[in-house]
Amino acid sequence: MIVEQISIFLENKTGRLVEVTKALADAGVNIRALSLADTSDFGILRLIVDNTEKARLVLKEHGLTVGSTSVVAVEVDDTPGGLDHILRVLSGAGINVEYMYAFVQRSSENATLIFRFDRTEQALDVLRQHHIPVLSSEMICR
């Protein structure tokens, strides 16, 4: 299952991040997961939200540059070695992890990992073959 992630390109200056959070809050869009990476000049804010289309529209109305990326959400045991197991399975199949971030859901005792792969469909097949739970957008946003 593919999850749609939005990416917002932000100047690395005071107040830019709060522009995003305020716009989404005012629109009633809930942020479920996020990752922020920066350089000295700009940052990339990656978000999983409960209403991707609304978020994209609202952010564009605020003059922000918004992109979209397909990612995969994987449920992992929140125990030592949980991540290692998944990474060994993927590495053994020759699949590269371009980036990832994690969060814990209120309704689960497990962690959720968000992955961006170089070969998403092949990664999904490998995860399923190894009985690693892949989550839908609906499962993340409930």
Foldseek 3Di string as FASTA:
>chain_A
DWAKKKKWKAFPDPPGVVVLVVLCVVLVKAWLDWDWDDDNTIIIIITQILDVVSSVVSVVVVVIDMDMDIKWKWWFAPDPCGVVVLVVLCVVVVKDFPDKDKDPDPVDNTIIMITDIPDVVVSVVSCVVVVTDIDYSVVSHD
